[in-house]
Amino acid sequence: MYAIEITTKDYTTGQLITRQLPKKYKSMKAAQRAADQIGCIVRPNGGQITKVTDGRVIAV
C-alpha cells in the first residue's frame, strides 16, 4: 500500500509542515499520478517565492 505525503514550506515564517493524506493506493503508479498533481508554488506578482507545496509517495 502507498500513501501521499504533502510537504509545505513557508519561506516568510520559516515553517515546514508535513502531513500524510488519509487515502491509500494499491499501486505505486496510481499514487505517483496523484502525487504529480499535487504541487504549488506561490509567487506574488512574479516576485520572490513565498510558499512551496510538494507531494511524494511513501510506502505504508
PDB file of N, CA and C in Angstrom:
ATOM      1  N   MET A   1       0.842  -1.180   0.000  1.00  0.00           N
ATOM      2  CA  MET A   1       0.000   0.000   0.000  1.00  0.00           C
ATOM      3  C   MET A   1       0.886   1.241   0.000  1.00  0.00           C
ATOM      4  N   TYR A   2       0.395   2.259  -0.636  1.00  0.00           N
ATOM      5  CA  TYR A   2       1.135   3.511  -0.754  1.00  0.00           C
ATOM      6  C   TYR A   2       0.247   4.680  -0.347  1.00  0.00           C
ATOM      7  N   ALA A   3       0.875   5.721   0.145  1.00  0.00           N
ATOM      8  CA  ALA A   3       0.164   6.934   0.543  1.00  0.00           C
ATOM      9  C   ALA A   3       0.954   8.139   0.023  1.00  0.00           C
ATOM     10  N   ILE A   4       0.333   9.292   0.110  1.00  0.00           N
ATOM     11  CA  ILE A   4       0.979  10.530  -0.337  1.00  0.00           C
ATOM     12  C   ILE A   4       1.276  11.398   0.872  1.00  0.00           C
ATOM     13  N   GLU A   5       2.487  11.890   0.922  1.00  0.00           N
ATOM     14  CA  GLU A   5       2.915  12.794   1.983  1.00  0.00           C
ATOM     15  C   GLU A   5       3.079  14.187   1.374  1.00  0.00           C
ATOM     16  N   ILE A   6       2.432  15.167   1.973  1.00  0.00           N
ATOM     17  CA  ILE A   6       2.490  16.539   1.468  1.00  0.00           C
ATOM     18  C   ILE A   6       3.395  17.367   2.370  1.00  0.00           C
ATOM     19  N   THR A   7       4.327  18.068   1.749  1.00  0.00           N
ATOM     20  CA  THR A   7       5.247  18.934   2.475  1.00  0.00           C
ATOM     21  C   THR A   7       5.023  20.370   2.008  1.00  0.00           C
ATOM     22  N   THR A   8       4.804  21.267   2.961  1.00  0.00           N
ATOM     23  CA  THR A   8       4.603  22.680   2.665  1.00  0.00           C
ATOM     24  C   THR A   8       5.679  23.491   3.379  1.00  0.00           C
ATOM     25  N   LYS A   9       6.422  24.267   2.608  1.00  0.00           N
ATOM     26  CA  LYS A   9       7.473  25.130   3.162  1.00  0.00           C
ATOM     27  C   LYS A   9       7.043  26.575   2.978  1.00  0.00           C
ATOM     28  N   ASP A  10       6.908  27.290   4.093  1.00  0.00           N
ATOM     29  CA  ASP A  10       6.541  28.704   4.067  1.00  0.00           C
ATOM     30  C   ASP A  10       7.804  29.524   4.331  1.00  0.00           C
ATOM     31  N   TYR A  11       8.270  30.249   3.334  1.00  0.00           N
ATOM     32  CA  TYR A  11       9.522  30.983   3.441  1.00  0.00           C
ATOM     33  C   TYR A  11       9.398  32.274   4.248  1.00  0.00           C
ATOM     34  N   THR A  12       8.186  32.803   4.379  1.00  0.00           N
ATOM     35  CA  THR A  12       8.025  34.037   5.150  1.00  0.00           C
ATOM     36  C   THR A  12       8.095  33.776   6.648  1.00  0.00           C
ATOM     37  N   THR A  13       7.551  32.643   7.102  1.00  0.00           N
ATOM     38  CA  THR A  13       7.564  32.324   8.527  1.00  0.00           C
ATOM     39  C   THR A  13       8.610  31.269   8.885  1.00  0.00           C
ATOM     40  N   GLY A  14       9.151  30.569   7.890  1.00  0.00           N
ATOM     41  CA  GLY A  14      10.135  29.527   8.145  1.00  0.00           C
ATOM     42  C   GLY A  14       9.525  28.211   8.590  1.00  0.00           C
ATOM     43  N   GLN A  15       8.218  28.036   8.462  1.00  0.00           N
ATOM     44  CA  GLN A  15       7.552  26.810   8.897  1.00  0.00           C
ATOM     45  C   GLN A  15       7.666  25.723   7.830  1.00  0.00           C
ATOM     46  N   LEU A  16       7.845  24.496   8.281  1.00  0.00           N
ATOM     47  CA  LEU A  16       7.832  23.325   7.421  1.00  0.00           C
ATOM     48  C   LEU A  16       6.757  22.393   7.961  1.00  0.00           C
ATOM     49  N   ILE A  17       5.698  22.179   7.183  1.00  0.00           N
ATOM     50  CA  ILE A  17       4.572  21.346   7.610  1.00  0.00           C
ATOM     51  C   ILE A  17       4.536  20.107   6.725  1.00  0.00           C
ATOM     52  N   THR A  18       4.545  18.923   7.355  1.00  0.00           N
ATOM     53  CA  THR A  18       4.470  17.655   6.640  1.00  0.00           C
ATOM     54  C   THR A  18       3.269  16.887   7.163  1.00  0.00           C
ATOM     55  N   ARG A  19       2.444  16.404   6.242  1.00  0.00           N
ATOM     56  CA  ARG A  19       1.287  15.615   6.645  1.00  0.00           C
ATOM     57  C   ARG A  19       1.035  14.530   5.616  1.00  0.00           C
ATOM     58  N   GLN A  20       0.343  13.493   6.047  1.00  0.00           N
ATOM     59  CA  GLN A  20       0.043  12.362   5.185  1.00  0.00           C
ATOM     60  C   GLN A  20      -1.444  12.363   4.857  1.00  0.00           C
ATOM     61  N   LEU A  21      -1.760  12.208   3.587  1.00  0.00           N
ATOM     62  CA  LEU A  21      -3.161  12.133   3.187  1.00  0.00           C
ATOM     63  C   LEU A  21      -3.754  10.792   3.627  1.00  0.00           C
ATOM     64  N   PRO A  22      -5.029  10.774   4.020  1.00  0.00           N
ATOM     65  CA  PRO A  22      -5.628   9.525   4.518  1.00  0.00           C
ATOM     66  C   PRO A  22      -5.885   8.475   3.432  1.00  0.00           C
ATOM     67  N   LYS A  23      -5.957   8.885   2.176  1.00  0.00           N
ATOM     68  CA  LYS A  23      -6.238   7.925   1.100  1.00  0.00           C
ATOM     69  C   LYS A  23      -5.019   7.059   0.821  1.00  0.00           C
ATOM     70  N   LYS A  24      -5.252   5.754   0.657  1.00  0.00           N
ATOM     71  CA  LYS A  24      -4.195   4.790   0.352  1.00  0.00           C
ATOM     72  C   LYS A  24      -4.374   4.273  -1.075  1.00  0.00           C
ATOM     73  N   TYR A  25      -3.270   3.927  -1.710  1.00  0.00           N
ATOM     74  CA  TYR A  25      -3.274   3.430  -3.084  1.00  0.00           C
ATOM     75  C   TYR A  25      -2.666   2.037  -3.110  1.00  0.00           C
ATOM     76  N   LYS A  26      -3.205   1.152  -3.965  1.00  0.00           N
ATOM     77  CA  LYS A  26      -2.700  -0.210  -4.059  1.00  0.00           C
ATOM     78  C   LYS A  26      -1.424  -0.279  -4.887  1.00  0.00           C
ATOM     79  N   SER A  27      -1.306   0.568  -5.899  1.00  0.00           N
ATOM     80  CA  SER A  27      -0.119   0.532  -6.756  1.00  0.00           C
ATOM     81  C   SER A  27       0.660   1.840  -6.655  1.00  0.00           C
ATOM     82  N   MET A  28       1.952   1.728  -6.865  1.00  0.00           N
ATOM     83  CA  MET A  28       2.810   2.905  -6.805  1.00  0.00           C
ATOM     84  C   MET A  28       2.514   3.846  -7.976  1.00  0.00           C
ATOM     85  N   LYS A  29       2.143   3.278  -9.110  1.00  0.00           N
ATOM     86  CA  LYS A  29       1.861   4.089 -10.292  1.00  0.00           C
ATOM     87  C   LYS A  29       0.659   5.001 -10.050  1.00  0.00           C
ATOM     88  N   ALA A  30      -0.391   4.472  -9.434  1.00  0.00           N
ATOM     89  CA  ALA A  30      -1.575   5.285  -9.138  1.00  0.00           C
ATOM     90  C   ALA A  30      -1.247   6.373  -8.124  1.00  0.00           C
ATOM     91  N   ALA A  31      -0.446   6.028  -7.125  1.00  0.00           N
ATOM     92  CA  ALA A  31      -0.057   7.022  -6.124  1.00  0.00           C
ATOM     93  C   ALA A  31       0.823   8.103  -6.739  1.00  0.00           C
ATOM     94  N   GLN A  32       1.707   7.710  -7.645  1.00  0.00           N
ATOM     95  CA  GLN A  32       2.591   8.687  -8.289  1.00  0.00           C
ATOM     96  C   GLN A  32       1.806   9.644  -9.171  1.00  0.00           C
ATOM     97  N   ARG A  33       0.798   9.138  -9.858  1.00  0.00           N
ATOM     98  CA  ARG A  33      -0.054  10.015 -10.683  1.00  0.00           C
ATOM     99  C   ARG A  33      -0.754  11.064  -9.820  1.00  0.00           C
ATOM    100  N   ALA A  34      -1.271  10.621  -8.679  1.00  0.00           N
ATOM    101  CA  ALA A  34      -1.958  11.556  -7.781  1.00  0.00           C
ATOM    102  C   ALA A  34      -0.974  12.550  -7.171  1.00  0.00           C
ATOM    103  N   ALA A  35       0.221  12.085  -6.815  1.00  0.00           N
ATOM    104  CA  ALA A  35       1.221  12.969  -6.208  1.00  0.00           C
ATOM    105  C   ALA A  35       1.732  14.002  -7.210  1.00  0.00           C
ATOM    106  N   ASP A  36       1.773  13.638  -8.476  1.00  0.00           N
ATOM    107  CA  ASP A  36       2.225  14.580  -9.503  1.00  0.00           C
ATOM    108  C   ASP A  36       1.264  15.755  -9.666  1.00  0.00           C
ATOM    109  N   GLN A  37       0.003  15.541  -9.348  1.00  0.00           N
ATOM    110  CA  GLN A  37      -0.988  16.607  -9.460  1.00  0.00           C
ATOM    111  C   GLN A  37      -0.960  17.555  -8.269  1.00  0.00           C
ATOM    112  N   ILE A  38      -0.292  17.146  -7.188  1.00  0.00           N
ATOM    113  CA  ILE A  38      -0.190  17.985  -6.000  1.00  0.00           C
ATOM    114  C   ILE A  38       1.114  18.754  -6.081  1.00  0.00           C
ATOM    115  N   GLY A  39       1.029  20.019  -6.106  1.00  0.00           N
ATOM    116  CA  GLY A  39       2.229  20.839  -6.146  1.00  0.00           C
ATOM    117  C   GLY A  39       1.847  22.260  -6.471  1.00  0.00           C
ATOM    118  N   CYS A  40       2.413  23.172  -5.754  1.00  0.00           N
ATOM    119  CA  CYS A  40       2.053  24.569  -5.944  1.00  0.00           C
ATOM    120  C   CYS A  40       3.216  25.440  -5.487  1.00  0.00           C
ATOM    121  N   ILE A  41       3.475  26.486  -6.239  1.00  0.00           N
ATOM    122  CA  ILE A  41       4.468  27.485  -5.852  1.00  0.00           C
ATOM    123  C   ILE A  41       3.764  28.827  -5.818  1.00  0.00           C
ATOM    124  N   VAL A  42       3.828  29.506  -4.666  1.00  0.00           N
ATOM    125  CA  VAL A  42       3.194  30.813  -4.522  1.00  0.00           C
ATOM    126  C   VAL A  42       4.271  31.877  -4.734  1.00  0.00           C
ATOM    127  N   ARG A  43       4.050  32.701  -5.743  1.00  0.00           N
ATOM    128  CA  ARG A  43       4.987  33.757  -6.095  1.00  0.00           C
ATOM    129  C   ARG A  43       4.167  35.014  -6.415  1.00  0.00           C
ATOM    130  N   PRO A  44       3.895  35.851  -5.405  1.00  0.00           N
ATOM    131  CA  PRO A  44       3.048  37.010  -5.632  1.00  0.00           C
ATOM    132  C   PRO A  44       3.692  38.029  -6.580  1.00  0.00           C
ATOM    133  N   ASN A  45       2.937  38.431  -7.588  1.00  0.00           N
ATOM    134  CA  ASN A  45       3.344  39.443  -8.564  1.00  0.00           C
ATOM    135  C   ASN A  45       4.670  39.124  -9.240  1.00  0.00           C
ATOM    136  N   GLY A  46       4.982  37.839  -9.381  1.00  0.00           N
ATOM    137  CA  GLY A  46       6.208  37.435 -10.051  1.00  0.00           C
ATOM    138  C   GLY A  46       7.462  37.707  -9.244  1.00  0.00           C
ATOM    139  N   GLY A  47       7.329  38.001  -7.979  1.00  0.00           N
ATOM    140  CA  GLY A  47       8.480  38.305  -7.126  1.00  0.00           C
ATOM    141  C   GLY A  47       9.085  37.057  -6.514  1.00  0.00           C
ATOM    142  N   GLN A  48       9.518  37.181  -5.275  1.00  0.00           N
ATOM    143  CA  GLN A  48      10.178  36.095  -4.575  1.00  0.00           C
ATOM    144  C   GLN A  48       9.181  35.013  -4.162  1.00  0.00           C
ATOM    145  N   ILE A  49       9.612  33.769  -4.178  1.00  0.00           N
ATOM    146  CA  ILE A  49       8.757  32.640  -3.786  1.00  0.00           C
ATOM    147  C   ILE A  49       8.480  32.714  -2.289  1.00  0.00           C
ATOM    148  N   THR A  50       7.193  32.609  -1.912  1.00  0.00           N
ATOM    149  CA  THR A  50       6.820  32.672  -0.501  1.00  0.00           C
ATOM    150  C   THR A  50       6.391  31.326   0.069  1.00  0.00           C
ATOM    151  N   LYS A  51       5.842  30.434  -0.776  1.00  0.00           N
ATOM    152  CA  LYS A  51       5.361  29.137  -0.269  1.00  0.00           C
ATOM    153  C   LYS A  51       5.489  28.081  -1.369  1.00  0.00           C
ATOM    154  N   VAL A  52       5.924  26.880  -0.980  1.00  0.00           N
ATOM    155  CA  VAL A  52       6.059  25.765  -1.918  1.00  0.00           C
ATOM    156  C   VAL A  52       5.374  24.547  -1.310  1.00  0.00           C
ATOM    157  N   THR A  53       4.532  23.880  -2.096  1.00  0.00           N
ATOM    158  CA  THR A  53       3.859  22.654  -1.670  1.00  0.00           C
ATOM    159  C   THR A  53       4.232  21.532  -2.633  1.00  0.00           C
ATOM    160  N   ASP A  54       4.574  20.366  -2.077  1.00  0.00           N
ATOM    161  CA  ASP A  54       5.016  19.262  -2.900  1.00  0.00           C
ATOM    162  C   ASP A  54       4.473  17.956  -2.337  1.00  0.00           C
ATOM    163  N   GLY A  55       4.148  17.015  -3.216  1.00  0.00           N
ATOM    164  CA  GLY A  55       3.653  15.709  -2.793  1.00  0.00           C
ATOM    165  C   GLY A  55       4.613  14.610  -3.213  1.00  0.00           C
ATOM    166  N   ARG A  56       4.797  13.614  -2.335  1.00  0.00           N
ATOM    167  CA  ARG A  56       5.651  12.491  -2.668  1.00  0.00           C
ATOM    168  C   ARG A  56       5.009  11.197  -2.169  1.00  0.00           C
ATOM    169  N   VAL A  57       5.389  10.093  -2.774  1.00  0.00           N
ATOM    170  CA  VAL A  57       4.808   8.788  -2.463  1.00  0.00           C
ATOM    171  C   VAL A  57       5.643   8.104  -1.393  1.00  0.00           C
ATOM    172  N   ILE A  58       4.956   7.519  -0.396  1.00  0.00           N
ATOM    173  CA  ILE A  58       5.632   6.750   0.635  1.00  0.00           C
ATOM    174  C   ILE A  58       4.948   5.382   0.750  1.00  0.00           C
ATOM    175  N   ALA A  59       5.710   4.377   1.120  1.00  0.00           N
ATOM    176  CA  ALA A  59       5.151   3.039   1.328  1.00  0.00           C
ATOM    177  C   ALA A  59       4.623   2.945   2.761  1.00  0.00           C
ATOM    178  N   VAL A  60       3.428   2.370   2.888  1.00  0.00           N
ATOM    179  CA  VAL A  60       2.818   2.255   4.206  1.00  0.00           C
ATOM    180  C   VAL A  60       2.712   0.798   4.600  1.00  0.00           C
TER     181      VAL A  60
END
